[in-house]
Protein backbone atom coordinates (compact mmCIF):
# COMPACT_ATOMS: atom_id res chain seq x y z
CA MET A 1 -169.95 94.99 58.88
CA GLN A 2 -167.86 92.01 57.61
CA ILE A 3 -166.07 89.40 59.87
CA GLU A 4 -162.94 87.59 58.82
CA ARG A 5 -161.32 84.66 60.26
CA VAL A 6 -157.39 85.63 60.79
CA ASN A 7 -154.75 83.91 63.14
CA ASN A 8 -157.88 81.70 64.61
CA VAL A 9 -159.86 84.93 65.40
CA ASP A 10 -162.86 86.71 64.09
CA ILE A 11 -161.56 90.30 63.15
CA ALA A 12 -164.68 92.77 62.07
CA TYR A 13 -164.21 95.17 59.44
CA ARG A 14 -165.78 98.10 57.60
CA ARG A 15 -164.97 98.16 53.65
CA ALA A 16 -166.24 101.31 51.43
CA GLY A 17 -164.89 102.21 47.68
CA ASN A 18 -162.82 101.31 45.27
CA GLY A 19 -158.93 101.92 44.20
CA ALA A 20 -155.90 101.81 46.15
CA PRO A 21 -156.32 99.99 49.68
CA VAL A 22 -156.36 102.22 52.85
CA LEU A 23 -156.72 100.69 56.49
CA LEU A 24 -157.63 102.82 59.30
CA LEU A 25 -156.88 101.65 62.93
CA HIS A 26 -158.15 102.92 65.83
CA PRO A 27 -157.55 103.97 69.05
CA ILE A 28 -157.80 102.08 72.56
CA GLY A 29 -161.83 101.68 73.12
CA LEU A 30 -163.10 102.89 70.39
CA ASP A 31 -164.10 101.31 67.24
CA SER A 32 -163.70 101.21 63.20
CA SER A 33 -167.31 103.40 63.04
CA TRP A 34 -165.07 106.22 65.01
CA TRP A 35 -163.34 106.26 61.31
CA ARG A 36 -166.65 107.24 59.21
CA PRO A 37 -165.67 111.38 58.35
CA PHE A 38 -162.18 109.47 57.01
CA SER A 39 -163.93 106.81 55.14
CA GLU A 40 -166.68 108.67 53.58
CA GLN A 41 -163.68 111.73 52.31
CA LEU A 42 -161.29 108.95 50.91
CA ALA A 43 -163.78 106.07 49.42
CA PRO A 44 -164.65 107.82 46.33
CA ARG A 45 -160.27 107.37 45.53
CA PHE A 46 -160.05 104.31 47.79
CA CYS A 47 -160.72 101.31 49.13
CA VAL A 48 -160.94 101.99 52.55
CA VAL A 49 -160.87 98.92 55.32
CA ALA A 50 -161.62 100.31 58.83
CA MET A 51 -160.82 97.19 61.70
CA ASP A 52 -162.01 96.94 64.85
CA PHE A 53 -158.86 94.97 66.99
CA ARG A 54 -159.62 91.97 68.90
CA GLY A 55 -161.39 93.21 72.05
CA HIS A 56 -162.95 95.81 70.37
CA GLY A 57 -166.31 96.35 68.59
CA GLY A 58 -167.47 93.21 66.27
CA SER A 59 -164.28 91.50 67.15
CA ALA A 60 -163.75 88.62 69.57
CA PRO A 61 -162.89 89.58 73.01
CA ILE A 62 -159.27 89.35 74.47
CA ARG A 63 -158.82 86.32 76.90
CA GLY A 64 -155.36 86.38 78.68
CA ASP A 65 -152.34 88.36 77.46
CA LEU A 66 -151.02 89.45 74.02
CA GLU A 67 -148.81 91.81 72.42
CA LEU A 68 -149.36 95.09 69.99
CA ALA A 69 -147.37 92.82 67.64
CA ASP A 70 -150.47 90.84 67.76
CA LEU A 71 -152.92 93.05 66.71
CA ALA A 72 -149.96 94.37 63.74
CA ASP A 73 -150.13 90.46 62.87
CA ASP A 74 -153.95 90.72 62.84
CA ALA A 75 -153.94 93.16 60.43
CA ALA A 76 -151.64 92.24 57.88
CA GLY A 77 -153.51 88.88 57.93
CA LEU A 78 -156.89 90.94 57.06
CA LEU A 79 -155.08 92.55 54.33
CA ARG A 80 -154.00 89.41 52.70
CA ALA A 81 -157.25 87.42 53.18
CA LEU A 82 -158.79 90.57 51.21
CA GLY A 83 -155.96 90.73 48.62
CA LEU A 84 -155.45 94.48 49.18
CA VAL A 85 -151.56 94.07 49.77
CA PRO A 86 -149.28 96.58 50.24
CA ALA A 87 -151.95 99.04 51.70
CA GLN A 88 -151.35 102.83 53.02
CA VAL A 89 -152.09 102.16 56.94
CA VAL A 90 -153.40 104.85 59.00
CA GLY A 91 -153.37 104.64 62.38
CA LEU A 92 -154.56 106.84 65.57
CA SER A 93 -153.08 106.27 69.36
CA MET A 94 -152.73 102.42 69.71
CA GLY A 95 -153.62 102.61 66.57
CA GLY A 96 -150.26 104.23 65.18
CA MET A 97 -148.59 101.88 67.73
CA VAL A 98 -149.39 98.30 65.73
CA ALA A 99 -149.26 100.46 62.55
CA GLN A 100 -145.41 100.48 63.44
CA TYR A 101 -145.03 97.07 64.13
CA LEU A 102 -147.06 96.53 61.19
CA ALA A 103 -144.52 98.10 59.14
CA ILE A 104 -141.41 96.69 60.51
CA ARG A 105 -143.07 92.67 61.14
CA HIS A 106 -144.77 93.23 57.58
CA PRO A 107 -143.06 95.95 55.32
CA ASP A 108 -144.10 93.89 52.35
CA VAL A 109 -148.09 95.21 53.63
CA VAL A 110 -147.15 98.33 54.02
CA ARG A 111 -146.97 101.20 51.22
CA SER A 112 -147.15 103.89 53.41
CA LEU A 113 -147.97 105.42 56.78
CA VAL A 114 -149.91 107.84 58.66
CA LEU A 115 -149.20 107.97 62.47
CA LEU A 116 -151.57 110.14 64.30
CA ALA A 117 -151.58 110.92 67.91
CA THR A 118 -149.24 108.25 68.60
CA ALA A 119 -145.76 107.25 70.15
CA CYS A 120 -142.96 104.66 70.04
CA THR A 121 -141.82 104.43 73.71
CA LEU A 122 -142.54 105.81 77.10
CA PRO A 123 -141.83 106.72 80.57
CA ASP A 124 -141.52 103.84 83.17
CA GLU A 125 -143.87 105.74 84.97
CA ALA A 126 -146.81 105.99 82.36
CA ARG A 127 -146.35 102.18 81.53
CA LYS A 128 -147.40 101.72 85.55
CA GLN A 129 -150.17 104.23 84.89
CA MET A 130 -151.59 102.17 82.28
CA VAL A 131 -151.58 99.04 83.59
CA GLU A 132 -153.25 100.14 86.69
CA ARG A 133 -156.08 101.98 84.40
CA GLY A 134 -156.71 98.36 82.90
CA GLU A 135 -157.18 97.12 86.31
CA ILE A 136 -159.09 99.72 87.75
CA ALA A 137 -161.76 99.04 85.09
CA ARG A 138 -161.52 95.43 86.00
CA GLN A 139 -162.00 95.77 89.37
CA ASP A 140 -164.87 99.04 89.36
CA GLY A 141 -165.71 98.98 85.64
CA MET A 142 -165.58 100.92 82.85
CA ARG A 143 -167.18 103.84 84.19
CA ALA A 144 -164.54 104.34 86.76
CA VAL A 145 -162.00 105.80 84.35
CA LEU A 146 -164.54 107.19 81.61
CA ASP A 147 -163.73 110.87 82.66
CA ALA A 148 -160.18 110.92 83.34
CA THR A 149 -159.98 109.10 79.19
CA LEU A 150 -162.25 111.80 78.08
CA GLU A 151 -160.22 114.62 79.45
CA ARG A 152 -157.26 113.45 78.26
CA TRP A 153 -158.80 112.80 74.95
CA PHE A 154 -160.42 115.65 74.12
CA THR A 155 -160.73 119.75 74.40
CA PRO A 156 -162.57 121.26 77.90
CA ALA A 157 -165.03 122.63 75.33
CA ALA A 158 -166.08 119.18 73.99
CA LEU A 159 -166.51 117.36 77.25
CA THR A 160 -170.03 118.51 76.84
CA SER A 161 -170.54 117.88 73.66
CA GLU A 162 -172.67 114.58 71.68
CA LEU A 163 -169.05 113.58 70.33
CA ALA A 164 -168.12 112.93 74.66
CA LYS A 165 -171.42 111.38 74.86
CA ARG A 166 -170.99 108.75 71.84
CA CYS A 167 -167.47 108.22 73.45
CA GLU A 168 -169.04 107.63 76.75
CA ARG A 169 -171.73 105.33 74.94
CA ARG A 170 -168.95 103.27 73.26
CA PHE A 171 -166.85 103.09 76.49
CA LEU A 172 -169.26 101.93 78.62
CA GLU A 173 -169.87 98.60 76.29
CA ASN A 174 -166.30 98.20 76.66
CA ASP A 175 -165.01 94.39 77.93
CA VAL A 176 -162.99 95.71 80.75
CA GLU A 177 -160.94 92.37 80.29
CA SER A 178 -159.94 93.63 76.80
CA TRP A 179 -159.47 96.66 78.15
CA ALA A 180 -157.35 95.47 80.57
CA ALA A 181 -155.36 93.69 78.04
CA SER A 182 -154.91 96.36 75.79
CA TRP A 183 -153.47 98.68 78.48
CA ARG A 184 -150.94 95.67 79.41
CA ALA A 185 -150.05 95.63 75.65
CA ILE A 186 -149.48 99.50 75.31
CA SER A 187 -147.48 99.36 78.37
CA ARG A 188 -144.90 97.24 76.64
CA LEU A 189 -144.60 99.72 73.38
CA ASP A 190 -140.92 100.25 72.41
CA THR A 191 -140.63 100.55 68.65
CA LEU A 192 -138.13 103.18 68.92
CA PRO A 193 -134.88 101.08 68.16
CA LEU A 194 -136.91 99.22 65.44
CA LEU A 195 -137.95 102.85 63.32
CA LYS A 196 -134.95 102.24 60.97
CA ARG A 197 -136.46 99.58 59.89
CA ILE A 198 -139.59 101.53 58.28
CA GLU A 199 -138.42 102.22 54.35
CA ALA A 200 -142.50 103.25 54.22
CA PRO A 201 -142.71 107.17 53.35
CA THR A 202 -144.66 107.99 56.74
CA LEU A 203 -146.46 110.73 57.95
CA VAL A 204 -146.44 112.00 61.65
CA VAL A 205 -149.40 114.17 62.73
CA THR A 206 -149.93 115.19 66.30
CA GLY A 207 -152.02 118.24 68.00
CA ASP A 208 -150.25 120.87 70.31
CA ARG A 209 -152.72 120.20 72.61
CA ASP A 210 -152.50 116.50 73.15
CA LEU A 211 -152.18 115.38 76.71
CA SER A 212 -151.73 111.78 75.80
CA THR A 213 -148.69 111.86 73.81
CA PRO A 214 -147.53 115.02 72.85
CA PRO A 215 -145.68 116.59 70.09
CA ALA A 216 -142.53 115.70 71.48
CA ALA A 217 -143.14 111.74 71.24
CA ALA A 218 -144.43 112.21 67.67
CA ARG A 219 -141.07 114.21 67.35
CA VAL A 220 -139.24 111.38 68.28
CA ILE A 221 -140.82 109.10 65.93
CA ALA A 222 -140.08 111.84 63.46
CA ASP A 223 -137.15 111.48 63.62
CA ASN A 224 -136.16 107.88 63.64
CA ILE A 225 -137.98 106.94 60.71
CA PRO A 226 -135.85 107.99 57.60
CA ALA A 227 -138.49 108.79 55.16
CA ALA A 228 -140.99 110.39 57.50
CA ALA A 229 -142.54 114.30 58.02
CA LEU A 230 -144.25 115.95 60.69
CA THR A 231 -147.17 118.03 60.97
CA ILE A 232 -148.21 119.58 64.36
CA ILE A 233 -151.82 120.47 64.01
CA LYS A 234 -152.90 123.58 66.42
CA GLY A 235 -155.31 123.61 69.09
CA ALA A 236 -155.78 119.93 68.54
CA PRO A 237 -155.95 117.49 71.57
CA HIS A 238 -155.47 113.71 71.59
CA MET A 239 -158.44 112.70 69.72
CA GLY A 240 -158.23 115.60 67.36
CA PRO A 241 -158.69 113.26 64.04
CA PHE A 242 -162.03 112.50 65.73
CA GLU A 243 -162.94 115.96 67.13
CA PHE A 244 -161.72 118.13 64.58
CA PRO A 245 -161.72 116.09 61.48
CA GLU A 246 -161.32 118.55 59.41
CA ALA A 247 -158.17 119.82 60.29
CA TYR A 248 -156.67 116.38 59.70
CA LEU A 249 -158.76 115.15 56.55
CA GLY A 250 -156.77 117.71 54.47
CA PRO A 251 -152.96 116.56 55.07
CA VAL A 252 -154.02 113.21 55.68
CA THR A 253 -155.71 113.22 51.96
CA ALA A 254 -153.26 114.62 50.12
CA PHE A 255 -150.69 112.43 51.66
CA LEU A 256 -152.11 109.13 50.56
CA GLN A 257 -153.30 110.30 46.90
CA GLU A 258 -149.20 111.62 46.90
CA ASN A 259 -148.07 107.87 47.98
CA SER A 260 -151.25 106.00 46.04
CA TYR A 261 -150.55 103.94 42.87
């Protein structure tokens, strides 16, 4: 784990391998360590950087409000500080939302995009629920939102697995203020009107059992980014890339190799 000062904030990241740069952006509530299967697969060919967003892992906690665009600016600042521009960017869930803002706000930083289990806009009811999710944790602690989160993220068969136990351990270590601020930021997601600006080749991947960002959300993204392709993974839930990494590594690795330099 290394630390880089970016936008007056300490940002933690992991780096492995040499070659063309790939940036990995994690979901809310987790951290860069969850990308290990991807990093191990990609490091022999690529320089892989997995960053911790503000309020996650080893990065500085969030105090006050912020936007997903701020996290995108952090990602751009990190890549520039490391001299890894342009990079191919892989984002999962919240990480995929940040990746969209990164491509929109800093097109010079992004060579290609892989958007996993994510969305570009949200129904009003979902926005309200996200804010409430953060407030419940602020009032009652992270355990109060644990079970519902695991049920949304993983298949029923995985809920008693070591994967879920690992997620629980990581989850309960989260800072509640950072969790709530991150959900408020997600609740304001709206890249849909801006997606046509993204010129980078884009792979959109979702699971057909994703309860958080269903395939319809992925189709909206793929339909609005000019150079986008859509892949649907059968049987995969929202955190499919972590529950079934082998199903995602094939198409993701092939796409990155095709768009590398």
